[in-house]
Amino acid sequence: MSATALSITPAEAGVRVAGAIDVGNAPRVLREGDAAIAAAKQPVVDVSALASADSVTLAVLVAWSAHAAKAGRPVSFRGLPERLRALAHLSDAEGLLGLA
C-alpha cells in the first residue's frame, strides 16, 4: 500500500499526477494514467507533485510515453523532479521521456 496516496486528475494543460507511484499501485496507476492521457485535451502530464522518484516511477512514465506515442499522441512531461531526471539520464531513458 502506498505511503502517499496517488491521484491522477485532469488539469488545464492535460493531466496532473500527485503522490507516490510504487510497486503496489503501479499496475493501477499505469491503467488510470493511460486513460487520463487519452482523454486529455493535450497530452501533457504534470508530475511536479510526485512524492517520490524511483525506478518504478520511471517505468510507469516510460510506459505512458510509449502507449501515447503508439496511439499517435506523444506525451510530454512537465515538472520532472531532478532525481527523476537523473535516474532517466542514468538509465538512458531521457529520449523516451522527451528530455533528450
Protein backbone atom coordinates (compact mmCIF):
# COMPACT_ATOMS: atom_id res chain seq x y z
CA MET A 1 0.00 0.00 0.00
CA SER A 2 1.28 3.47 -0.85
CA ALA A 3 2.62 5.65 1.92
CA THR A 4 1.45 8.70 -0.02
CA ALA A 5 -1.83 8.33 -1.87
CA LEU A 6 -1.63 8.87 -5.59
CA SER A 7 -4.05 10.91 -7.66
CA ILE A 8 -4.33 11.41 -11.40
CA THR A 9 -6.57 14.33 -12.22
CA PRO A 10 -7.47 16.43 -15.25
CA ALA A 11 -5.57 19.71 -15.40
CA GLU A 12 -5.82 22.79 -17.58
CA ALA A 13 -2.92 21.64 -19.75
CA GLY A 14 -3.54 17.88 -19.59
CA VAL A 15 -3.14 15.61 -16.57
CA ARG A 16 -1.71 16.19 -13.08
CA VAL A 17 -0.12 13.38 -11.07
CA ALA A 18 0.37 13.78 -7.31
CA GLY A 19 1.57 11.39 -4.63
CA ALA A 20 3.74 8.31 -4.93
CA ILE A 21 3.95 5.64 -7.60
CA ASP A 22 5.17 2.39 -6.08
CA VAL A 23 5.25 -1.36 -6.74
CA GLY A 24 1.86 -1.82 -5.08
CA ASN A 25 -0.05 0.73 -7.13
CA ALA A 26 1.93 0.74 -10.40
CA PRO A 27 -0.45 -1.51 -12.40
CA ARG A 28 -3.48 0.60 -11.41
CA VAL A 29 -1.60 3.85 -11.97
CA LEU A 30 -0.48 2.68 -15.40
CA ARG A 31 -4.08 1.94 -16.46
CA GLU A 32 -5.54 5.11 -14.94
CA GLY A 33 -2.79 7.28 -16.39
CA ASP A 34 -3.20 5.80 -19.86
CA ALA A 35 -6.94 6.54 -19.74
CA ALA A 36 -6.43 10.07 -18.38
CA ILE A 37 -3.81 10.91 -21.00
CA ALA A 38 -6.03 9.58 -23.79
CA ALA A 39 -8.95 11.69 -22.54
CA ALA A 40 -6.94 14.89 -22.01
CA LYS A 41 -7.27 17.79 -24.43
CA GLN A 42 -3.47 17.99 -24.53
CA PRO A 43 -1.13 15.04 -23.90
CA VAL A 44 0.83 16.85 -21.19
CA VAL A 45 1.49 15.28 -17.79
CA ASP A 46 2.45 17.49 -14.85
CA VAL A 47 4.44 15.39 -12.38
CA SER A 48 5.71 18.24 -10.20
CA ALA A 49 3.66 16.94 -7.24
CA LEU A 50 5.18 13.45 -7.24
CA ALA A 51 6.20 12.47 -3.72
CA SER A 52 8.94 10.11 -4.87
CA ALA A 53 11.08 9.38 -7.89
CA ASP A 54 12.43 5.87 -8.28
CA SER A 55 12.74 3.16 -10.92
CA VAL A 56 9.06 2.19 -10.58
CA THR A 57 8.05 5.79 -11.20
CA LEU A 58 10.34 5.98 -14.22
CA ALA A 59 8.96 2.71 -15.61
CA VAL A 60 5.37 3.99 -15.40
CA LEU A 61 6.25 7.29 -17.10
CA VAL A 62 8.13 5.47 -19.87
CA ALA A 63 5.15 3.15 -20.38
CA TRP A 64 2.75 6.11 -20.56
CA SER A 65 5.02 7.71 -23.11
CA ALA A 66 5.20 4.54 -25.21
CA HIS A 67 1.45 3.95 -25.11
CA ALA A 68 0.68 7.57 -26.04
CA ALA A 69 3.18 7.51 -28.92
CA LYS A 70 1.67 4.28 -30.21
CA ALA A 71 -1.75 5.97 -30.15
CA GLY A 72 -0.35 8.86 -32.20
CA ARG A 73 -0.43 11.37 -29.31
CA PRO A 74 3.12 11.72 -27.98
CA VAL A 75 3.03 12.85 -24.37
CA SER A 76 5.26 15.44 -22.76
CA PHE A 77 6.11 15.72 -19.08
CA ARG A 78 6.31 18.89 -17.01
CA GLY A 79 7.82 19.40 -13.60
CA LEU A 80 10.02 16.32 -13.55
CA PRO A 81 11.84 16.24 -10.21
CA GLU A 82 15.62 16.46 -10.53
CA ARG A 83 16.02 12.99 -9.03
CA LEU A 84 13.78 11.54 -11.74
CA ARG A 85 15.72 13.41 -14.44
CA ALA A 86 18.96 11.97 -13.05
CA LEU A 87 17.50 8.46 -12.99
CA ALA A 88 16.31 8.85 -16.59
CA HIS A 89 19.81 10.00 -17.55
CA LEU A 90 21.49 7.06 -15.79
CA SER A 91 19.01 4.66 -17.41
CA ASP A 92 19.46 6.22 -20.85
CA ALA A 93 15.71 6.85 -20.88
CA GLU A 94 15.78 10.61 -21.49
CA GLY A 95 14.67 10.23 -25.09
CA LEU A 96 11.74 8.07 -24.02
CA LEU A 97 10.52 10.92 -21.84
CA GLY A 98 11.19 13.63 -24.40
CA LEU A 99 14.13 15.02 -22.44
CA ALA A 100 16.90 14.38 -24.98
